[in-house]
């Protein structure tokens, strides 16, 4: 099965446009990670029914999470993400979609874009 080439240019333009139309447009890029917990708390409020939200942690119905993963809110796990056992997500983590976090990995204050 052949995979189509992912158009990063189009993805970045689309992401930039969505930022410009949101309250995030006033932030410089390096400020986004500093403000990550605040930003994710706002995003969580607007997520659709395909996310299960509990105690500041939003998980898409298609995401797979192995046992013994630690998540400290706010965290958003997007569509088709995989998180292996003993991973530690804290300080505001947004896995936008189609991401994998390996066993024992720690991720803090990050926006992780799709792997294509």
PDB file of N, CA and C in Angstrom:
ATOM      1  N   UNK A   1       0.835  -1.173   0.000  1.00  0.00           N
ATOM      2  CA  UNK A   1       0.000   0.000   0.000  1.00  0.00           C
ATOM      3  C   UNK A   1       0.880   1.236   0.000  1.00  0.00           C
ATOM      4  N   UNK A   2       0.732   2.088  -0.975  1.00  0.00           N
ATOM      5  CA  UNK A   2       1.539   3.299  -1.083  1.00  0.00           C
ATOM      6  C   UNK A   2       0.969   4.398  -0.196  1.00  0.00           C
ATOM      7  N   UNK A   3       1.871   5.102   0.493  1.00  0.00           N
ATOM      8  CA  UNK A   3       1.465   6.230   1.326  1.00  0.00           C
ATOM      9  C   UNK A   3       1.650   7.509   0.544  1.00  0.00           C
ATOM     10  N   UNK A   4       0.679   8.406   0.632  1.00  0.00           N
ATOM     11  CA  UNK A   4       0.830   9.684  -0.047  1.00  0.00           C
ATOM     12  C   UNK A   4       1.798  10.549   0.757  1.00  0.00           C
ATOM     13  N   UNK A   5       2.509  11.414   0.058  1.00  0.00           N
ATOM     14  CA  UNK A   5       3.474  12.292   0.697  1.00  0.00           C
ATOM     15  C   UNK A   5       2.724  13.362   1.483  1.00  0.00           C
ATOM     16  N   UNK A   6       3.131  13.566   2.717  1.00  0.00           N
ATOM     17  CA  UNK A   6       2.494  14.569   3.573  1.00  0.00           C
ATOM     18  C   UNK A   6       2.981  15.952   3.173  1.00  0.00           C
ATOM     19  N   UNK A   7       2.062  16.889   3.029  1.00  0.00           N
ATOM     20  CA  UNK A   7       2.392  18.253   2.635  1.00  0.00           C
ATOM     21  C   UNK A   7       2.587  19.116   3.881  1.00  0.00           C
ATOM     22  N   UNK A   8       3.833  19.185   4.359  1.00  0.00           N
ATOM     23  CA  UNK A   8       4.132  19.975   5.558  1.00  0.00           C
ATOM     24  C   UNK A   8       3.828  21.452   5.356  1.00  0.00           C
ATOM     25  N   UNK A   9       4.101  21.959   4.177  1.00  0.00           N
ATOM     26  CA  UNK A   9       3.849  23.374   3.902  1.00  0.00           C
ATOM     27  C   UNK A   9       2.377  23.713   4.111  1.00  0.00           C
ATOM     28  N   UNK A  10       1.500  22.881   3.573  1.00  0.00           N
ATOM     29  CA  UNK A  10       0.065  23.086   3.724  1.00  0.00           C
ATOM     30  C   UNK A  10      -0.354  22.957   5.191  1.00  0.00           C
ATOM     31  N   UNK A  11       0.207  21.957   5.880  1.00  0.00           N
ATOM     32  CA  UNK A  11      -0.115  21.762   7.285  1.00  0.00           C
ATOM     33  C   UNK A  11       0.290  22.980   8.119  1.00  0.00           C
ATOM     34  N   UNK A  12       1.496  23.485   7.915  1.00  0.00           N
ATOM     35  CA  UNK A  12       1.983  24.635   8.679  1.00  0.00           C
ATOM     36  C   UNK A  12       1.161  25.877   8.370  1.00  0.00           C
ATOM     37  N   UNK A  13       0.834  26.089   7.109  1.00  0.00           N
ATOM     38  CA  UNK A  13       0.003  27.242   6.742  1.00  0.00           C
ATOM     39  C   UNK A  13      -1.367  27.149   7.416  1.00  0.00           C
ATOM     40  N   UNK A  14      -1.942  25.961   7.425  1.00  0.00           N
ATOM     41  CA  UNK A  14      -3.246  25.763   8.051  1.00  0.00           C
ATOM     42  C   UNK A  14      -3.163  26.004   9.555  1.00  0.00           C
ATOM     43  N   UNK A  15      -2.109  25.482  10.198  1.00  0.00           N
ATOM     44  CA  UNK A  15      -1.932  25.664  11.631  1.00  0.00           C
ATOM     45  C   UNK A  15      -1.718  27.145  11.949  1.00  0.00           C
ATOM     46  N   UNK A  16      -0.889  27.807  11.148  1.00  0.00           N
ATOM     47  CA  UNK A  16      -0.631  29.231  11.358  1.00  0.00           C
ATOM     48  C   UNK A  16      -1.921  30.044  11.218  1.00  0.00           C
ATOM     49  N   UNK A  17      -2.729  29.703  10.225  1.00  0.00           N
ATOM     50  CA  UNK A  17      -3.998  30.406  10.018  1.00  0.00           C
ATOM     51  C   UNK A  17      -4.930  30.206  11.211  1.00  0.00           C
ATOM     52  N   UNK A  18      -4.991  28.974  11.739  1.00  0.00           N
ATOM     53  CA  UNK A  18      -5.850  28.727  12.895  1.00  0.00           C
ATOM     54  C   UNK A  18      -5.351  29.483  14.122  1.00  0.00           C
ATOM     55  N   UNK A  19      -4.027  29.621  14.269  1.00  0.00           N
ATOM     56  CA  UNK A  19      -3.488  30.406  15.378  1.00  0.00           C
ATOM     57  C   UNK A  19      -3.858  31.876  15.240  1.00  0.00           C
ATOM     58  N   UNK A  20      -3.781  32.397  14.013  1.00  0.00           N
ATOM     59  CA  UNK A  20      -4.090  33.801  13.783  1.00  0.00           C
ATOM     60  C   UNK A  20      -5.546  34.113  14.113  1.00  0.00           C
ATOM     61  N   UNK A  21      -6.414  33.126  13.998  1.00  0.00           N
ATOM     62  CA  UNK A  21      -7.838  33.328  14.248  1.00  0.00           C
ATOM     63  C   UNK A  21      -8.214  33.004  15.691  1.00  0.00           C
ATOM     64  N   UNK A  22      -7.231  32.793  16.539  1.00  0.00           N
ATOM     65  CA  UNK A  22      -7.528  32.445  17.923  1.00  0.00           C
ATOM     66  C   UNK A  22      -6.860  33.432  18.873  1.00  0.00           C
ATOM     67  N   UNK A  23      -7.111  33.218  20.157  1.00  0.00           N
ATOM     68  CA  UNK A  23      -6.495  34.051  21.179  1.00  0.00           C
ATOM     69  C   UNK A  23      -4.986  33.827  21.274  1.00  0.00           C
ATOM     70  N   UNK A  24      -4.474  32.807  20.597  1.00  0.00           N
ATOM     71  CA  UNK A  24      -3.045  32.501  20.627  1.00  0.00           C
ATOM     72  C   UNK A  24      -2.217  33.408  19.727  1.00  0.00           C
ATOM     73  N   UNK A  25      -2.877  34.183  18.893  1.00  0.00           N
ATOM     74  CA  UNK A  25      -2.156  35.004  17.911  1.00  0.00           C
ATOM     75  C   UNK A  25      -1.269  36.063  18.556  1.00  0.00           C
ATOM     76  N   UNK A  26      -1.529  36.416  19.803  1.00  0.00           N
ATOM     77  CA  UNK A  26      -0.728  37.441  20.465  1.00  0.00           C
ATOM     78  C   UNK A  26       0.579  36.893  21.025  1.00  0.00           C
ATOM     79  N   UNK A  27       0.751  35.574  21.013  1.00  0.00           N
ATOM     80  CA  UNK A  27       1.959  34.966  21.564  1.00  0.00           C
ATOM     81  C   UNK A  27       3.041  34.790  20.501  1.00  0.00           C
ATOM     82  N   UNK A  28       4.292  34.976  20.925  1.00  0.00           N
ATOM     83  CA  UNK A  28       5.424  34.620  20.077  1.00  0.00           C
ATOM     84  C   UNK A  28       5.593  33.097  20.188  1.00  0.00           C
ATOM     85  N   UNK A  29       6.204  32.451  19.183  1.00  0.00           N
ATOM     86  CA  UNK A  29       6.299  30.979  19.206  1.00  0.00           C
ATOM     87  C   UNK A  29       6.906  30.412  20.489  1.00  0.00           C
ATOM     88  N   UNK A  30       7.939  31.032  21.023  1.00  0.00           N
ATOM     89  CA  UNK A  30       8.580  30.514  22.223  1.00  0.00           C
ATOM     90  C   UNK A  30       7.714  30.710  23.474  1.00  0.00           C
ATOM     91  N   UNK A  31       6.731  31.580  23.399  1.00  0.00           N
ATOM     92  CA  UNK A  31       5.833  31.777  24.528  1.00  0.00           C
ATOM     93  C   UNK A  31       4.762  30.687  24.602  1.00  0.00           C
ATOM     94  N   UNK A  32       4.521  30.014  23.492  1.00  0.00           N
ATOM     95  CA  UNK A  32       3.481  28.977  23.475  1.00  0.00           C
ATOM     96  C   UNK A  32       3.788  27.854  24.461  1.00  0.00           C
ATOM     97  N   UNK A  33       5.073  27.441  24.554  1.00  0.00           N
ATOM     98  CA  UNK A  33       5.392  26.358  25.492  1.00  0.00           C
ATOM     99  C   UNK A  33       5.327  26.839  26.940  1.00  0.00           C
ATOM    100  N   UNK A  34       5.679  28.089  27.185  1.00  0.00           N
ATOM    101  CA  UNK A  34       5.590  28.640  28.542  1.00  0.00           C
ATOM    102  C   UNK A  34       4.133  28.696  28.985  1.00  0.00           C
ATOM    103  N   UNK A  35       3.261  29.064  28.066  1.00  0.00           N
ATOM    104  CA  UNK A  35       1.831  29.202  28.359  1.00  0.00           C
ATOM    105  C   UNK A  35       1.046  27.914  28.100  1.00  0.00           C
ATOM    106  N   UNK A  36       1.736  26.833  27.811  1.00  0.00           N
ATOM    107  CA  UNK A  36       1.101  25.579  27.409  1.00  0.00           C
ATOM    108  C   UNK A  36      -0.038  25.140  28.340  1.00  0.00           C
ATOM    109  N   UNK A  37       0.150  25.111  29.656  1.00  0.00           N
ATOM    110  CA  UNK A  37      -0.973  24.679  30.508  1.00  0.00           C
ATOM    111  C   UNK A  37      -2.216  25.563  30.357  1.00  0.00           C
ATOM    112  N   UNK A  38      -2.022  26.866  30.287  1.00  0.00           N
ATOM    113  CA  UNK A  38      -3.158  27.781  30.118  1.00  0.00           C
ATOM    114  C   UNK A  38      -3.842  27.575  28.767  1.00  0.00           C
ATOM    115  N   UNK A  39      -3.041  27.436  27.726  1.00  0.00           N
ATOM    116  CA  UNK A  39      -3.573  27.261  26.371  1.00  0.00           C
ATOM    117  C   UNK A  39      -4.382  25.965  26.274  1.00  0.00           C
ATOM    118  N   UNK A  40      -3.826  24.873  26.801  1.00  0.00           N
ATOM    119  CA  UNK A  40      -4.519  23.587  26.718  1.00  0.00           C
ATOM    120  C   UNK A  40      -5.808  23.583  27.524  1.00  0.00           C
ATOM    121  N   UNK A  41      -5.805  24.262  28.651  1.00  0.00           N
ATOM    122  CA  UNK A  41      -7.040  24.345  29.440  1.00  0.00           C
ATOM    123  C   UNK A  41      -8.154  25.002  28.633  1.00  0.00           C
ATOM    124  N   UNK A  42      -7.808  25.997  27.816  1.00  0.00           N
ATOM    125  CA  UNK A  42      -8.797  26.642  26.949  1.00  0.00           C
ATOM    126  C   UNK A  42      -9.230  25.730  25.806  1.00  0.00           C
ATOM    127  N   UNK A  43      -8.272  25.040  25.200  1.00  0.00           N
ATOM    128  CA  UNK A  43      -8.582  24.149  24.079  1.00  0.00           C
ATOM    129  C   UNK A  43      -9.504  23.018  24.536  1.00  0.00           C
ATOM    130  N   UNK A  44      -9.240  22.475  25.712  1.00  0.00           N
ATOM    131  CA  UNK A  44     -10.047  21.368  26.229  1.00  0.00           C
ATOM    132  C   UNK A  44     -11.529  21.743  26.288  1.00  0.00           C
ATOM    133  N   UNK A  45     -11.808  22.988  26.609  1.00  0.00           N
ATOM    134  CA  UNK A  45     -13.202  23.443  26.708  1.00  0.00           C
ATOM    135  C   UNK A  45     -13.946  23.371  25.378  1.00  0.00           C
ATOM    136  N   UNK A  46     -13.198  23.398  24.264  1.00  0.00           N
ATOM    137  CA  UNK A  46     -13.841  23.424  22.950  1.00  0.00           C
ATOM    138  C   UNK A  46     -13.781  22.080  22.203  1.00  0.00           C
ATOM    139  N   UNK A  47     -13.281  21.040  22.837  1.00  0.00           N
ATOM    140  CA  UNK A  47     -13.169  19.743  22.164  1.00  0.00           C
ATOM    141  C   UNK A  47     -14.542  19.109  21.966  1.00  0.00           C
ATOM    142  N   UNK A  48     -14.644  18.321  20.904  1.00  0.00           N
ATOM    143  CA  UNK A  48     -15.906  17.662  20.568  1.00  0.00           C
ATOM    144  C   UNK A  48     -16.156  16.400  21.366  1.00  0.00           C
ATOM    145  N   UNK A  49     -17.258  15.741  21.023  1.00  0.00           N
ATOM    146  CA  UNK A  49     -17.700  14.533  21.727  1.00  0.00           C
ATOM    147  C   UNK A  49     -16.797  13.329  21.490  1.00  0.00           C
ATOM    148  N   UNK A  50     -15.897  13.424  20.512  1.00  0.00           N
ATOM    149  CA  UNK A  50     -14.987  12.306  20.262  1.00  0.00           C
ATOM    150  C   UNK A  50     -13.855  12.251  21.297  1.00  0.00           C
ATOM    151  N   UNK A  51     -13.850  13.188  22.239  1.00  0.00           N
ATOM    152  CA  UNK A  51     -12.879  13.199  23.332  1.00  0.00           C
ATOM    153  C   UNK A  51     -13.571  12.881  24.645  1.00  0.00           C
ATOM    154  N   UNK A  52     -12.924  12.045  25.443  1.00  0.00           N
ATOM    155  CA  UNK A  52     -13.374  11.829  26.819  1.00  0.00           C
ATOM    156  C   UNK A  52     -12.534  12.768  27.681  1.00  0.00           C
ATOM    157  N   UNK A  53     -13.204  13.654  28.404  1.00  0.00           N
ATOM    158  CA  UNK A  53     -12.503  14.637  29.223  1.00  0.00           C
ATOM    159  C   UNK A  53     -12.797  14.366  30.689  1.00  0.00           C
ATOM    160  N   UNK A  54     -11.719  14.244  31.465  1.00  0.00           N
ATOM    161  CA  UNK A  54     -11.857  14.008  32.894  1.00  0.00           C
ATOM    162  C   UNK A  54     -10.672  14.627  33.628  1.00  0.00           C
ATOM    163  N   UNK A  55     -10.976  15.506  34.569  1.00  0.00           N
ATOM    164  CA  UNK A  55      -9.943  16.134  35.407  1.00  0.00           C
ATOM    165  C   UNK A  55      -8.840  16.802  34.600  1.00  0.00           C
ATOM    166  N   UNK A  56      -9.212  17.510  33.541  1.00  0.00           N
ATOM    167  CA  UNK A  56      -8.239  18.246  32.739  1.00  0.00           C
ATOM    168  C   UNK A  56      -7.441  17.406  31.758  1.00  0.00           C
ATOM    169  N   UNK A  57      -7.843  16.157  31.572  1.00  0.00           N
ATOM    170  CA  UNK A  57      -7.169  15.269  30.614  1.00  0.00           C
ATOM    171  C   UNK A  57      -8.194  14.854  29.565  1.00  0.00           C
ATOM    172  N   UNK A  58      -7.875  15.137  28.288  1.00  0.00           N
ATOM    173  CA  UNK A  58      -8.782  14.821  27.178  1.00  0.00           C
ATOM    174  C   UNK A  58      -8.134  13.756  26.300  1.00  0.00           C
ATOM    175  N   UNK A  59      -8.862  12.667  26.085  1.00  0.00           N
ATOM    176  CA  UNK A  59      -8.334  11.547  25.293  1.00  0.00           C
ATOM    177  C   UNK A  59      -9.310  11.238  24.168  1.00  0.00           C
ATOM    178  N   UNK A  60      -8.807  11.269  22.936  1.00  0.00           N
ATOM    179  CA  UNK A  60      -9.621  10.944  21.764  1.00  0.00           C
ATOM    180  C   UNK A  60      -9.992   9.470  21.801  1.00  0.00           C
ATOM    181  N   UNK A  61     -11.177   9.148  21.304  1.00  0.00           N
ATOM    182  CA  UNK A  61     -11.664   7.761  21.345  1.00  0.00           C
ATOM    183  C   UNK A  61     -10.770   6.792  20.570  1.00  0.00           C
ATOM    184  N   UNK A  62     -10.020   7.277  19.582  1.00  0.00           N
ATOM    185  CA  UNK A  62      -9.169   6.391  18.791  1.00  0.00           C
ATOM    186  C   UNK A  62      -7.755   6.235  19.367  1.00  0.00           C
ATOM    187  N   UNK A  63      -7.450   6.946  20.427  1.00  0.00           N
ATOM    188  CA  UNK A  63      -6.110   6.856  21.034  1.00  0.00           C
ATOM    189  C   UNK A  63      -5.976   5.552  21.821  1.00  0.00           C
ATOM    190  N   UNK A  64      -4.748   5.024  21.860  1.00  0.00           N
ATOM    191  CA  UNK A  64      -4.455   3.806  22.629  1.00  0.00           C
ATOM    192  C   UNK A  64      -3.424   4.144  23.705  1.00  0.00           C
ATOM    193  N   UNK A  65      -3.764   3.822  24.937  1.00  0.00           N
ATOM    194  CA  UNK A  65      -2.883   4.123  26.055  1.00  0.00           C
ATOM    195  C   UNK A  65      -2.665   2.851  26.860  1.00  0.00           C
ATOM    196  N   UNK A  66      -1.400   2.452  26.967  1.00  0.00           N
ATOM    197  CA  UNK A  66      -1.066   1.238  27.719  1.00  0.00           C
ATOM    198  C   UNK A  66      -1.137   1.505  29.221  1.00  0.00           C
ATOM    199  N   UNK A  67      -1.098   0.428  30.020  1.00  0.00           N
ATOM    200  CA  UNK A  67      -1.165   0.586  31.479  1.00  0.00           C
ATOM    201  C   UNK A  67       0.037   1.356  32.036  1.00  0.00           C
ATOM    202  N   UNK A  68      -0.172   1.941  33.202  1.00  0.00           N
ATOM    203  CA  UNK A  68       0.873   2.612  33.985  1.00  0.00           C
ATOM    204  C   UNK A  68       1.422   3.879  33.353  1.00  0.00           C
ATOM    205  N   UNK A  69       0.617   4.543  32.530  1.00  0.00           N
ATOM    206  CA  UNK A  69       0.977   5.857  31.995  1.00  0.00           C
ATOM    207  C   UNK A  69       0.530   6.893  33.019  1.00  0.00           C
ATOM    208  N   UNK A  70       1.387   7.873  33.302  1.00  0.00           N
ATOM    209  CA  UNK A  70       1.046   8.958  34.220  1.00  0.00           C
ATOM    210  C   UNK A  70       0.803  10.208  33.401  1.00  0.00           C
ATOM    211  N   UNK A  71      -0.359  10.828  33.609  1.00  0.00           N
ATOM    212  CA  UNK A  71      -0.694  12.083  32.929  1.00  0.00           C
ATOM    213  C   UNK A  71      -1.133  13.086  33.977  1.00  0.00           C
ATOM    214  N   UNK A  72      -0.466  14.242  33.999  1.00  0.00           N
ATOM    215  CA  UNK A  72      -0.834  15.322  34.903  1.00  0.00           C
ATOM    216  C   UNK A  72      -1.407  16.455  34.067  1.00  0.00           C
ATOM    217  N   UNK A  73      -2.638  16.830  34.365  1.00  0.00           N
ATOM    218  CA  UNK A  73      -3.387  17.828  33.585  1.00  0.00           C
ATOM    219  C   UNK A  73      -2.648  19.166  33.528  1.00  0.00           C
ATOM    220  N   UNK A  74      -2.905  19.876  32.428  1.00  0.00           N
ATOM    221  CA  UNK A  74      -3.750  19.529  31.291  1.00  0.00           C
ATOM    222  C   UNK A  74      -2.986  18.718  30.246  1.00  0.00           C
ATOM    223  N   UNK A  75      -3.686  17.755  29.683  1.00  0.00           N
ATOM    224  CA  UNK A  75      -3.138  16.910  28.622  1.00  0.00           C
ATOM    225  C   UNK A  75      -4.241  16.673  27.597  1.00  0.00           C
ATOM    226  N   UNK A  76      -3.871  16.746  26.319  1.00  0.00           N
ATOM    227  CA  UNK A  76      -4.790  16.382  25.232  1.00  0.00           C
ATOM    228  C   UNK A  76      -4.109  15.320  24.386  1.00  0.00           C
ATOM    229  N   UNK A  77      -4.763  14.179  24.249  1.00  0.00           N
ATOM    230  CA  UNK A  77      -4.269  13.083  23.422  1.00  0.00           C
ATOM    231  C   UNK A  77      -5.186  13.011  22.208  1.00  0.00           C
ATOM    232  N   UNK A  78      -4.652  13.344  21.041  1.00  0.00           N
ATOM    233  CA  UNK A  78      -5.436  13.429  19.817  1.00  0.00           C
ATOM    234  C   UNK A  78      -5.700  12.088  19.152  1.00  0.00           C
ATOM    235  N   UNK A  79      -6.327  12.150  17.969  1.00  0.00           N
ATOM    236  CA  UNK A  79      -6.698  10.933  17.236  1.00  0.00           C
ATOM    237  C   UNK A  79      -5.489  10.075  16.858  1.00  0.00           C
ATOM    238  N   UNK A  80      -5.678   8.770  16.960  1.00  0.00           N
ATOM    239  CA  UNK A  80      -4.699   7.772  16.516  1.00  0.00           C
ATOM    240  C   UNK A  80      -3.344   7.873  17.212  1.00  0.00           C
ATOM    241  N   UNK A  81      -3.320   8.392  18.433  1.00  0.00           N
ATOM    242  CA  UNK A  81      -2.079   8.444  19.207  1.00  0.00           C
ATOM    243  C   UNK A  81      -1.887   7.142  19.965  1.00  0.00           C
ATOM    244  N   UNK A  82      -0.623   6.827  20.250  1.00  0.00           N
ATOM    245  CA  UNK A  82      -0.274   5.654  21.039  1.00  0.00           C
ATOM    246  C   UNK A  82       0.693   6.098  22.130  1.00  0.00           C
ATOM    247  N   UNK A  83       0.403   5.691  23.365  1.00  0.00           N
ATOM    248  CA  UNK A  83       1.290   6.000  24.482  1.00  0.00           C
ATOM    249  C   UNK A  83       1.627   4.686  25.176  1.00  0.00           C
ATOM    250  N   UNK A  84       2.926   4.379  25.224  1.00  0.00           N
ATOM    251  CA  UNK A  84       3.383   3.110  25.795  1.00  0.00           C
ATOM    252  C   UNK A  84       3.461   3.189  27.322  1.00  0.00           C
ATOM    253  N   UNK A  85       3.542   2.022  27.936  1.00  0.00           N
ATOM    254  CA  UNK A  85       3.596   1.910  29.399  1.00  0.00           C
ATOM    255  C   UNK A  85       4.689   2.773  30.012  1.00  0.00           C
ATOM    256  N   UNK A  86       4.364   3.308  31.171  1.00  0.00           N
ATOM    257  CA  UNK A  86       5.292   4.059  32.010  1.00  0.00           C
ATOM    258  C   UNK A  86       5.714   5.404  31.426  1.00  0.00           C
ATOM    259  N   UNK A  87       5.026   5.884  30.405  1.00  0.00           N
ATOM    260  CA  UNK A  87       5.289   7.237  29.913  1.00  0.00           C
ATOM    261  C   UNK A  87       4.756   8.228  30.948  1.00  0.00           C
ATOM    262  N   UNK A  88       5.327   9.427  30.948  1.00  0.00           N
ATOM    263  CA  UNK A  88       4.964  10.456  31.915  1.00  0.00           C
ATOM    264  C   UNK A  88       4.732  11.753  31.153  1.00  0.00           C
ATOM    265  N   UNK A  89       3.483  12.212  31.117  1.00  0.00           N
ATOM    266  CA  UNK A  89       3.116  13.437  30.404  1.00  0.00           C
ATOM    267  C   UNK A  89       2.690  14.472  31.444  1.00  0.00           C
ATOM    268  N   UNK A  90       3.336  15.654  31.422  1.00  0.00           N
ATOM    269  CA  UNK A  90       3.043  16.651  32.449  1.00  0.00           C
ATOM    270  C   UNK A  90       3.293  18.067  31.969  1.00  0.00           C
ATOM    271  N   UNK A  91       2.751  19.012  32.693  1.00  0.00           N
ATOM    272  CA  UNK A  91       3.033  20.422  32.427  1.00  0.00           C
ATOM    273  C   UNK A  91       2.394  20.961  31.168  1.00  0.00           C
ATOM    274  N   UNK A  92       1.372  20.306  30.665  1.00  0.00           N
ATOM    275  CA  UNK A  92       0.723  20.748  29.444  1.00  0.00           C
ATOM    276  C   UNK A  92       1.302  20.041  28.230  1.00  0.00           C
ATOM    277  N   UNK A  93       0.657  18.981  27.801  1.00  0.00           N
ATOM    278  CA  UNK A  93       1.118  18.218  26.637  1.00  0.00           C
ATOM    279  C   UNK A  93      -0.053  18.049  25.686  1.00  0.00           C
ATOM    280  N   UNK A  94       0.189  18.387  24.420  1.00  0.00           N
ATOM    281  CA  UNK A  94      -0.834  18.244  23.377  1.00  0.00           C
ATOM    282  C   UNK A  94      -0.256  17.382  22.264  1.00  0.00           C
ATOM    283  N   UNK A  95      -0.719  16.129  22.199  1.00  0.00           N
ATOM    284  CA  UNK A  95      -0.374  15.248  21.082  1.00  0.00           C
ATOM    285  C   UNK A  95      -1.469  15.466  20.047  1.00  0.00           C
ATOM    286  N   UNK A  96      -1.153  16.159  18.978  1.00  0.00           N
ATOM    287  CA  UNK A  96      -2.164  16.645  18.049  1.00  0.00           C
ATOM    288  C   UNK A  96      -2.815  15.506  17.263  1.00  0.00           C
ATOM    289  N   UNK A  97      -2.082  14.464  16.982  1.00  0.00           N
ATOM    290  CA  UNK A  97      -2.671  13.317  16.301  1.00  0.00           C
ATOM    291  C   UNK A  97      -1.628  12.465  15.626  1.00  0.00           C
ATOM    292  N   UNK A  98      -1.870  11.150  15.586  1.00  0.00           N
ATOM    293  CA  UNK A  98      -0.974  10.196  14.933  1.00  0.00           C
ATOM    294  C   UNK A  98       0.440  10.268  15.520  1.00  0.00           C
ATOM    295  N   UNK A  99       0.519  10.379  16.846  1.00  0.00           N
ATOM    296  CA  UNK A  99       1.800  10.432  17.539  1.00  0.00           C
ATOM    297  C   UNK A  99       2.005   9.160  18.346  1.00  0.00           C
ATOM    298  N   UNK A 100       3.268   8.818  18.587  1.00  0.00           N
ATOM    299  CA  UNK A 100       3.620   7.701  19.461  1.00  0.00           C
ATOM    300  C   UNK A 100       4.610   8.192  20.503  1.00  0.00           C
ATOM    301  N   UNK A 101       4.341   7.834  21.748  1.00  0.00           N
ATOM    302  CA  UNK A 101       5.255   8.123  22.848  1.00  0.00           C
ATOM    303  C   UNK A 101       5.712   6.780  23.389  1.00  0.00           C
ATOM    304  N   UNK A 102       7.020   6.565  23.406  1.00  0.00           N
ATOM    305  CA  UNK A 102       7.573   5.267  23.784  1.00  0.00           C
ATOM    306  C   UNK A 102       7.548   4.995  25.267  1.00  0.00           C
ATOM    307  N   UNK A 103       7.864   3.755  25.634  1.00  0.00           N
ATOM    308  CA  UNK A 103       7.836   3.348  27.038  1.00  0.00           C
ATOM    309  C   UNK A 103       8.846   4.141  27.867  1.00  0.00           C
ATOM    310  N   UNK A 104       8.371   4.635  29.010  1.00  0.00           N
ATOM    311  CA  UNK A 104       9.259   5.337  29.927  1.00  0.00           C
ATOM    312  C   UNK A 104       9.620   6.757  29.540  1.00  0.00           C
ATOM    313  N   UNK A 105       9.052   7.287  28.464  1.00  0.00           N
ATOM    314  CA  UNK A 105       9.378   8.648  28.028  1.00  0.00           C
ATOM    315  C   UNK A 105       8.678   9.681  28.911  1.00  0.00           C
ATOM    316  N   UNK A 106       9.367  10.802  29.123  1.00  0.00           N
ATOM    317  CA  UNK A 106       8.761  11.934  29.820  1.00  0.00           C
ATOM    318  C   UNK A 106       8.612  13.081  28.833  1.00  0.00           C
ATOM    319  N   UNK A 107       7.420  13.673  28.796  1.00  0.00           N
ATOM    320  CA  UNK A 107       7.144  14.807  27.909  1.00  0.00           C
ATOM    321  C   UNK A 107       6.539  15.908  28.764  1.00  0.00           C
ATOM    322  N   UNK A 108       7.077  17.124  28.625  1.00  0.00           N
ATOM    323  CA  UNK A 108       6.593  18.253  29.418  1.00  0.00           C
ATOM    324  C   UNK A 108       6.412  19.474  28.525  1.00  0.00           C
ATOM    325  N   UNK A 109       5.309  20.187  28.723  1.00  0.00           N
ATOM    326  CA  UNK A 109       5.040  21.472  28.063  1.00  0.00           C
ATOM    327  C   UNK A 109       5.356  21.425  26.574  1.00  0.00           C
ATOM    328  N   UNK A 110       4.628  20.591  25.849  1.00  0.00           N
ATOM    329  CA  UNK A 110       4.931  20.375  24.434  1.00  0.00           C
ATOM    330  C   UNK A 110       3.681  20.269  23.581  1.00  0.00           C
ATOM    331  N   UNK A 111       3.809  20.763  22.352  1.00  0.00           N
ATOM    332  CA  UNK A 111       2.844  20.532  21.290  1.00  0.00           C
ATOM    333  C   UNK A 111       3.550  19.598  20.321  1.00  0.00           C
ATOM    334  N   UNK A 112       3.038  18.399  20.139  1.00  0.00           N
ATOM    335  CA  UNK A 112       3.701  17.438  19.260  1.00  0.00           C
ATOM    336  C   UNK A 112       2.803  17.223  18.042  1.00  0.00           C
ATOM    337  N   UNK A 113       3.344  17.535  16.888  1.00  0.00           N
ATOM    338  CA  UNK A 113       2.587  17.485  15.647  1.00  0.00           C
ATOM    339  C   UNK A 113       2.567  16.080  15.072  1.00  0.00           C
ATOM    340  N   UNK A 114       1.636  15.813  14.158  1.00  0.00           N
ATOM    341  CA  UNK A 114       1.477  14.469  13.606  1.00  0.00           C
ATOM    342  C   UNK A 114       2.726  13.957  12.894  1.00  0.00           C
ATOM    343  N   UNK A 115       2.902  12.663  12.984  1.00  0.00           N
ATOM    344  CA  UNK A 115       3.939  11.971  12.221  1.00  0.00           C
ATOM    345  C   UNK A 115       3.296  11.483  10.931  1.00  0.00           C
ATOM    346  N   UNK A 116       3.862  11.872   9.819  1.00  0.00           N
ATOM    347  CA  UNK A 116       3.338  11.421   8.524  1.00  0.00           C
ATOM    348  C   UNK A 116       4.468  10.988   7.644  1.00  0.00           C
TER     349      UNK A 116
END
